[in-house]
Amino acid sequence: MKQVFRVLDSYSVIAYIENEPGAKTMIEILKAARDTGTDLLFCVINWGEVYYITRRELGSERAEEVARLLQSLPIEIINADAALTRVAAEFKSKHKMSYADCFAAALAKSRNAEVVTGDKEFKQVEKEVRIHWID
């Protein structure tokens, strides 16, 4: 089993695919994951958020391109089971964060990993989850 240290959130993935601020850092993180054989984790809830945002803003063809791109990267999609959902719900009950962001935080907490993000909502959970800021 590969050792995992980082969890991606929707913000970091969108920054990468849309070449937004933080994209250069994301490229470095993806290369490091590839070079070390260490997958980055991405919760299926966050995957869905990236998919729907891309589809809504750029159309279904681009959303499918992004889905294929994500499959080619050193990223492991993690399903949201009851245990992960409980931790996400606990984050949501205590913080004013999007529900999807709570899943990224929950995944990081459950795997003792850091969240890779530039989303300032994560400042609320810095005492509970390590954050790797990309911008």
N, C-alpha and C. Protein backbone atom coordinates (compact mmCIF):
# COMPACT_ATOMS: atom_id res chain seq x y z
N MET A 1 0.85 -1.19 0.00
CA MET A 1 0.00 0.00 0.00
C MET A 1 0.89 1.24 0.00
N LYS A 2 0.53 2.21 -0.83
CA LYS A 2 1.29 3.44 -0.93
C LYS A 2 1.01 4.34 0.26
N GLN A 3 2.05 5.03 0.71
CA GLN A 3 1.88 5.98 1.80
C GLN A 3 1.28 7.27 1.24
N VAL A 4 0.35 7.86 1.96
CA VAL A 4 -0.33 9.05 1.48
C VAL A 4 -0.15 10.18 2.49
N PHE A 5 0.20 11.31 2.01
CA PHE A 5 0.40 12.46 2.88
C PHE A 5 -0.52 13.62 2.57
N ARG A 6 -1.13 13.65 1.38
CA ARG A 6 -1.90 14.82 0.97
C ARG A 6 -3.28 14.46 0.42
N VAL A 7 -4.22 15.36 0.74
CA VAL A 7 -5.59 15.27 0.23
C VAL A 7 -5.85 16.53 -0.58
N LEU A 8 -6.37 16.35 -1.77
CA LEU A 8 -6.73 17.50 -2.61
C LEU A 8 -8.16 17.91 -2.31
N ASP A 9 -8.41 19.21 -2.40
CA ASP A 9 -9.79 19.67 -2.35
C ASP A 9 -10.15 20.18 -3.75
N SER A 10 -11.39 20.56 -3.92
CA SER A 10 -11.85 21.02 -5.23
C SER A 10 -11.09 22.25 -5.70
N TYR A 11 -10.81 23.16 -4.78
CA TYR A 11 -10.10 24.39 -5.11
C TYR A 11 -8.76 24.08 -5.78
N SER A 12 -7.99 23.17 -5.19
CA SER A 12 -6.66 22.88 -5.72
C SER A 12 -6.74 22.23 -7.10
N VAL A 13 -7.71 21.35 -7.30
CA VAL A 13 -7.85 20.68 -8.59
C VAL A 13 -8.31 21.67 -9.65
N ILE A 14 -9.26 22.52 -9.32
CA ILE A 14 -9.72 23.53 -10.29
C ILE A 14 -8.60 24.50 -10.61
N ALA A 15 -7.81 24.88 -9.62
CA ALA A 15 -6.65 25.76 -9.88
C ALA A 15 -5.74 25.11 -10.91
N TYR A 16 -5.51 23.82 -10.78
CA TYR A 16 -4.65 23.10 -11.72
C TYR A 16 -5.26 23.04 -13.11
N ILE A 17 -6.50 22.59 -13.22
CA ILE A 17 -7.08 22.36 -14.55
C ILE A 17 -7.41 23.65 -15.28
N GLU A 18 -7.65 24.73 -14.53
CA GLU A 18 -8.00 26.01 -15.18
C GLU A 18 -6.83 27.00 -15.16
N ASN A 19 -5.64 26.52 -14.76
CA ASN A 19 -4.43 27.34 -14.73
C ASN A 19 -4.65 28.64 -13.96
N GLU A 20 -5.25 28.50 -12.79
CA GLU A 20 -5.51 29.64 -11.91
C GLU A 20 -4.36 29.79 -10.92
N PRO A 21 -4.37 30.85 -10.08
CA PRO A 21 -3.33 30.95 -9.06
C PRO A 21 -3.26 29.67 -8.23
N GLY A 22 -2.05 29.21 -8.02
CA GLY A 22 -1.83 27.94 -7.34
C GLY A 22 -1.52 26.80 -8.28
N ALA A 23 -1.72 27.01 -9.59
CA ALA A 23 -1.49 25.95 -10.57
C ALA A 23 -0.04 25.48 -10.58
N LYS A 24 0.90 26.40 -10.47
CA LYS A 24 2.32 26.01 -10.48
C LYS A 24 2.65 25.12 -9.29
N THR A 25 2.12 25.47 -8.13
CA THR A 25 2.34 24.64 -6.95
C THR A 25 1.70 23.27 -7.13
N MET A 26 0.52 23.24 -7.73
CA MET A 26 -0.16 21.96 -7.98
C MET A 26 0.66 21.09 -8.93
N ILE A 27 1.26 21.69 -9.94
CA ILE A 27 2.10 20.91 -10.86
C ILE A 27 3.25 20.28 -10.09
N GLU A 28 3.87 21.04 -9.20
CA GLU A 28 4.97 20.50 -8.38
C GLU A 28 4.48 19.36 -7.49
N ILE A 29 3.32 19.52 -6.89
CA ILE A 29 2.76 18.49 -6.01
C ILE A 29 2.44 17.22 -6.82
N LEU A 30 1.87 17.39 -8.00
CA LEU A 30 1.55 16.23 -8.84
C LEU A 30 2.82 15.52 -9.30
N LYS A 31 3.84 16.29 -9.68
CA LYS A 31 5.11 15.67 -10.09
C LYS A 31 5.75 14.91 -8.94
N ALA A 32 5.72 15.50 -7.74
CA ALA A 32 6.30 14.83 -6.57
C ALA A 32 5.55 13.53 -6.28
N ALA A 33 4.24 13.56 -6.40
CA ALA A 33 3.44 12.34 -6.18
C ALA A 33 3.81 11.27 -7.21
N ARG A 34 3.92 11.67 -8.45
CA ARG A 34 4.30 10.73 -9.51
C ARG A 34 5.69 10.16 -9.26
N ASP A 35 6.64 11.03 -8.94
CA ASP A 35 8.03 10.61 -8.76
C ASP A 35 8.24 9.72 -7.55
N THR A 36 7.44 9.90 -6.51
CA THR A 36 7.59 9.08 -5.30
C THR A 36 6.65 7.88 -5.28
N GLY A 37 5.72 7.84 -6.22
CA GLY A 37 4.75 6.75 -6.22
C GLY A 37 3.73 6.87 -5.11
N THR A 38 3.54 8.08 -4.60
CA THR A 38 2.61 8.34 -3.51
C THR A 38 1.37 9.03 -4.06
N ASP A 39 0.26 8.33 -4.07
CA ASP A 39 -0.97 8.92 -4.59
C ASP A 39 -1.47 10.06 -3.71
N LEU A 40 -2.08 11.03 -4.36
CA LEU A 40 -2.83 12.07 -3.68
C LEU A 40 -4.25 11.55 -3.53
N LEU A 41 -4.90 11.90 -2.44
CA LEU A 41 -6.28 11.45 -2.23
C LEU A 41 -7.24 12.56 -2.62
N PHE A 42 -8.38 12.15 -3.14
CA PHE A 42 -9.42 13.08 -3.59
C PHE A 42 -10.76 12.41 -3.32
N CYS A 43 -11.53 12.98 -2.40
CA CYS A 43 -12.82 12.40 -2.05
C CYS A 43 -13.78 12.48 -3.24
N VAL A 44 -14.58 11.45 -3.42
CA VAL A 44 -15.54 11.41 -4.52
C VAL A 44 -16.50 12.61 -4.46
N ILE A 45 -16.78 13.12 -3.28
CA ILE A 45 -17.65 14.30 -3.15
C ILE A 45 -16.99 15.51 -3.80
N ASN A 46 -15.69 15.67 -3.58
CA ASN A 46 -14.95 16.76 -4.20
C ASN A 46 -14.80 16.54 -5.70
N TRP A 47 -14.62 15.28 -6.11
CA TRP A 47 -14.58 14.96 -7.54
C TRP A 47 -15.88 15.41 -8.21
N GLY A 48 -17.00 15.10 -7.56
CA GLY A 48 -18.30 15.51 -8.09
C GLY A 48 -18.43 17.01 -8.17
N GLU A 49 -17.89 17.72 -7.19
CA GLU A 49 -17.94 19.18 -7.22
C GLU A 49 -17.16 19.73 -8.41
N VAL A 50 -15.97 19.21 -8.65
CA VAL A 50 -15.18 19.64 -9.80
C VAL A 50 -15.93 19.33 -11.10
N TYR A 51 -16.52 18.16 -11.17
CA TYR A 51 -17.25 17.75 -12.37
C TYR A 51 -18.44 18.69 -12.65
N TYR A 52 -19.25 18.92 -11.62
CA TYR A 52 -20.44 19.75 -11.88
C TYR A 52 -20.07 21.20 -12.18
N ILE A 53 -19.05 21.73 -11.51
CA ILE A 53 -18.63 23.11 -11.79
C ILE A 53 -18.12 23.22 -13.22
N THR A 54 -17.30 22.27 -13.63
CA THR A 54 -16.77 22.28 -15.00
C THR A 54 -17.90 22.13 -16.01
N ARG A 55 -18.82 21.23 -15.74
CA ARG A 55 -19.95 21.01 -16.67
C ARG A 55 -20.82 22.26 -16.77
N ARG A 56 -21.10 22.87 -15.62
CA ARG A 56 -21.95 24.06 -15.61
C ARG A 56 -21.29 25.23 -16.33
N GLU A 57 -19.98 25.42 -16.09
CA GLU A 57 -19.29 26.58 -16.65
C GLU A 57 -18.73 26.37 -18.05
N LEU A 58 -18.33 25.13 -18.38
CA LEU A 58 -17.63 24.89 -19.65
C LEU A 58 -18.26 23.82 -20.52
N GLY A 59 -19.31 23.18 -20.03
CA GLY A 59 -20.01 22.19 -20.85
C GLY A 59 -19.64 20.75 -20.56
N SER A 60 -20.47 19.84 -21.06
CA SER A 60 -20.30 18.42 -20.77
C SER A 60 -19.04 17.84 -21.40
N GLU A 61 -18.67 18.30 -22.58
CA GLU A 61 -17.47 17.78 -23.23
C GLU A 61 -16.22 18.07 -22.40
N ARG A 62 -16.11 19.30 -21.91
CA ARG A 62 -14.95 19.67 -21.08
C ARG A 62 -14.99 18.92 -19.74
N ALA A 63 -16.17 18.72 -19.19
CA ALA A 63 -16.28 17.97 -17.93
C ALA A 63 -15.76 16.54 -18.11
N GLU A 64 -16.09 15.92 -19.24
CA GLU A 64 -15.60 14.57 -19.51
C GLU A 64 -14.09 14.56 -19.73
N GLU A 65 -13.55 15.60 -20.38
CA GLU A 65 -12.10 15.72 -20.55
C GLU A 65 -11.41 15.80 -19.18
N VAL A 66 -11.98 16.59 -18.30
CA VAL A 66 -11.42 16.74 -16.96
C VAL A 66 -11.49 15.41 -16.20
N ALA A 67 -12.58 14.69 -16.33
CA ALA A 67 -12.71 13.39 -15.67
C ALA A 67 -11.61 12.44 -16.16
N ARG A 68 -11.36 12.43 -17.46
CA ARG A 68 -10.29 11.58 -18.01
C ARG A 68 -8.92 12.04 -17.53
N LEU A 69 -8.71 13.35 -17.48
CA LEU A 69 -7.44 13.89 -17.00
C LEU A 69 -7.18 13.43 -15.57
N LEU A 70 -8.18 13.54 -14.72
CA LEU A 70 -8.02 13.15 -13.32
C LEU A 70 -7.65 11.67 -13.19
N GLN A 71 -8.20 10.83 -14.08
CA GLN A 71 -7.86 9.40 -14.05
C GLN A 71 -6.40 9.16 -14.40
N SER A 72 -5.80 10.06 -15.17
CA SER A 72 -4.42 9.87 -15.62
C SER A 72 -3.39 10.38 -14.61
N LEU A 73 -3.83 11.07 -13.59
CA LEU A 73 -2.93 11.67 -12.61
C LEU A 73 -2.74 10.75 -11.41
N PRO A 74 -1.70 10.97 -10.60
CA PRO A 74 -1.48 10.14 -9.42
C PRO A 74 -2.44 10.52 -8.28
N ILE A 75 -3.72 10.31 -8.56
CA ILE A 75 -4.79 10.68 -7.63
C ILE A 75 -5.66 9.44 -7.41
N GLU A 76 -5.92 9.15 -6.16
CA GLU A 76 -6.83 8.06 -5.81
C GLU A 76 -8.15 8.65 -5.34
N ILE A 77 -9.24 8.29 -6.01
CA ILE A 77 -10.57 8.75 -5.62
C ILE A 77 -11.05 7.87 -4.47
N ILE A 78 -11.43 8.52 -3.38
CA ILE A 78 -11.88 7.81 -2.18
C ILE A 78 -13.39 7.98 -2.02
N ASN A 79 -14.08 6.86 -1.89
CA ASN A 79 -15.53 6.91 -1.68
C ASN A 79 -15.84 7.41 -0.27
N ALA A 80 -17.01 8.01 -0.14
CA ALA A 80 -17.45 8.52 1.16
C ALA A 80 -18.32 7.47 1.84
N ASP A 81 -17.75 6.78 2.81
CA ASP A 81 -18.52 5.81 3.57
C ASP A 81 -19.12 6.48 4.80
N ALA A 82 -19.81 5.71 5.62
CA ALA A 82 -20.49 6.28 6.78
C ALA A 82 -19.51 6.92 7.76
N ALA A 83 -18.36 6.29 7.97
CA ALA A 83 -17.39 6.84 8.93
C ALA A 83 -16.84 8.18 8.46
N LEU A 84 -16.50 8.28 7.18
CA LEU A 84 -15.99 9.54 6.64
C LEU A 84 -17.08 10.60 6.65
N THR A 85 -18.29 10.21 6.32
CA THR A 85 -19.41 11.15 6.31
C THR A 85 -19.70 11.67 7.71
N ARG A 86 -19.54 10.84 8.72
CA ARG A 86 -19.74 11.29 10.11
C ARG A 86 -18.72 12.37 10.46
N VAL A 87 -17.45 12.18 10.11
CA VAL A 87 -16.42 13.17 10.41
C VAL A 87 -16.71 14.46 9.64
N ALA A 88 -17.12 14.33 8.38
CA ALA A 88 -17.47 15.52 7.58
C ALA A 88 -18.65 16.25 8.21
N ALA A 89 -19.63 15.52 8.67
CA ALA A 89 -20.80 16.12 9.31
C ALA A 89 -20.42 16.83 10.61
N GLU A 90 -19.46 16.26 11.34
CA GLU A 90 -18.99 16.92 12.56
C GLU A 90 -18.31 18.25 12.21
N PHE A 91 -17.48 18.25 11.16
CA PHE A 91 -16.88 19.52 10.72
C PHE A 91 -17.96 20.52 10.32
N LYS A 92 -18.95 20.06 9.58
CA LYS A 92 -20.02 20.96 9.10
C LYS A 92 -20.81 21.53 10.28
N SER A 93 -21.00 20.74 11.32
CA SER A 93 -21.78 21.21 12.47
C SER A 93 -21.04 22.29 13.26
N LYS A 94 -19.71 22.32 13.17
CA LYS A 94 -18.91 23.26 13.95
C LYS A 94 -18.39 24.46 13.16
N HIS A 95 -18.37 24.36 11.83
CA HIS A 95 -17.74 25.40 11.02
C HIS A 95 -18.63 25.83 9.87
N LYS A 96 -18.42 27.06 9.42
CA LYS A 96 -19.16 27.58 8.26
C LYS A 96 -18.34 27.30 7.01
N MET A 97 -18.35 26.02 6.62
CA MET A 97 -17.64 25.54 5.44
C MET A 97 -18.63 24.85 4.52
N SER A 98 -18.29 24.79 3.24
CA SER A 98 -19.15 24.02 2.34
C SER A 98 -19.08 22.55 2.74
N TYR A 99 -20.13 21.83 2.44
CA TYR A 99 -20.17 20.41 2.80
C TYR A 99 -19.06 19.65 2.09
N ALA A 100 -18.80 19.98 0.82
CA ALA A 100 -17.72 19.31 0.08
C ALA A 100 -16.38 19.56 0.76
N ASP A 101 -16.12 20.79 1.18
CA ASP A 101 -14.87 21.09 1.89
C ASP A 101 -14.74 20.28 3.16
N CYS A 102 -15.85 20.04 3.82
CA CYS A 102 -15.84 19.23 5.03
C CYS A 102 -15.39 17.80 4.74
N PHE A 103 -15.71 17.29 3.57
CA PHE A 103 -15.25 15.95 3.20
C PHE A 103 -13.74 15.92 2.98
N ALA A 104 -13.19 16.95 2.36
CA ALA A 104 -11.73 17.01 2.19
C ALA A 104 -11.05 17.06 3.55
N ALA A 105 -11.58 17.89 4.45
CA ALA A 105 -11.01 17.99 5.79
C ALA A 105 -11.15 16.66 6.54
N ALA A 106 -12.29 16.02 6.41
CA ALA A 106 -12.52 14.74 7.08
C ALA A 106 -11.57 13.67 6.56
N LEU A 107 -11.36 13.64 5.25
CA LEU A 107 -10.45 12.66 4.68
C LEU A 107 -9.03 12.89 5.17
N ALA A 108 -8.62 14.15 5.22
CA ALA A 108 -7.28 14.47 5.72
C ALA A 108 -7.15 14.06 7.19
N LYS A 109 -8.16 14.36 7.98
CA LYS A 109 -8.11 14.00 9.40
C LYS A 109 -8.04 12.49 9.57
N SER A 110 -8.85 11.77 8.83
CA SER A 110 -8.91 10.32 8.99
C SER A 110 -7.64 9.62 8.50
N ARG A 111 -6.91 10.24 7.58
CA ARG A 111 -5.68 9.64 7.05
C ARG A 111 -4.41 10.31 7.59
N ASN A 112 -4.58 11.20 8.55
CA ASN A 112 -3.44 11.94 9.11
C ASN A 112 -2.63 12.59 7.99
N ALA A 113 -3.32 13.25 7.09
CA ALA A 113 -2.72 13.89 5.92
C ALA A 113 -2.97 15.38 5.98
N GLU A 114 -2.41 16.10 5.03
CA GLU A 114 -2.67 17.53 4.94
C GLU A 114 -3.55 17.81 3.74
N VAL A 115 -4.38 18.83 3.86
CA VAL A 115 -5.22 19.26 2.74
C VAL A 115 -4.43 20.25 1.90
N VAL A 116 -4.44 20.04 0.60
CA VAL A 116 -3.83 20.96 -0.35
C VAL A 116 -4.94 21.86 -0.86
N THR A 117 -4.82 23.17 -0.56
CA THR A 117 -5.90 24.10 -0.92
C THR A 117 -5.40 25.54 -0.94
N GLY A 118 -6.19 26.38 -1.51
CA GLY A 118 -6.02 27.82 -1.41
C GLY A 118 -7.30 28.46 -0.89
N ASP A 119 -8.27 27.62 -0.56
CA ASP A 119 -9.59 28.05 -0.11
C ASP A 119 -9.51 28.52 1.34
N LYS A 120 -9.78 29.78 1.56
CA LYS A 120 -9.65 30.37 2.90
C LYS A 120 -10.62 29.78 3.92
N GLU A 121 -11.67 29.09 3.47
CA GLU A 121 -12.58 28.43 4.42
C GLU A 121 -11.82 27.46 5.33
N PHE A 122 -10.72 26.91 4.83
CA PHE A 122 -9.97 25.92 5.61
C PHE A 122 -9.22 26.52 6.78
N LYS A 123 -9.12 27.86 6.85
CA LYS A 123 -8.50 28.49 8.02
C LYS A 123 -9.25 28.09 9.30
N GLN A 124 -10.53 27.81 9.17
CA GLN A 124 -11.34 27.43 10.32
C GLN A 124 -10.93 26.10 10.96
N VAL A 125 -10.28 25.24 10.18
CA VAL A 125 -9.95 23.91 10.69
C VAL A 125 -8.45 23.69 10.84
N GLU A 126 -7.67 24.76 10.78
CA GLU A 126 -6.21 24.62 10.87
C GLU A 126 -5.74 23.99 12.18
N LYS A 127 -6.52 24.07 13.23
CA LYS A 127 -6.12 23.45 14.50
C LYS A 127 -6.41 21.94 14.50
N GLU A 128 -7.25 21.50 13.57
CA GLU A 128 -7.64 20.10 13.52
C GLU A 128 -7.00 19.33 12.37
N VAL A 129 -6.64 20.06 11.30
CA VAL A 129 -6.13 19.44 10.08
C VAL A 129 -4.98 20.29 9.56
N ARG A 130 -3.89 19.63 9.14
CA ARG A 130 -2.78 20.36 8.53
C ARG A 130 -3.19 20.84 7.13
N ILE A 131 -2.74 22.05 6.79
CA ILE A 131 -3.08 22.65 5.50
C ILE A 131 -1.79 22.97 4.75
N HIS A 132 -1.76 22.64 3.47
CA HIS A 132 -0.68 23.04 2.56
C HIS A 132 -1.29 24.09 1.63
N TRP A 133 -0.98 25.35 1.87
CA TRP A 133 -1.57 26.45 1.08
C TRP A 133 -0.87 26.56 -0.27
N ILE A 134 -1.65 26.66 -1.35
CA ILE A 134 -1.08 26.71 -2.69
C ILE A 134 -0.99 28.10 -3.28
N ASP A 135 -1.53 29.10 -2.64
CA ASP A 135 -1.38 30.46 -3.19
C ASP A 135 -1.20 31.49 -2.11
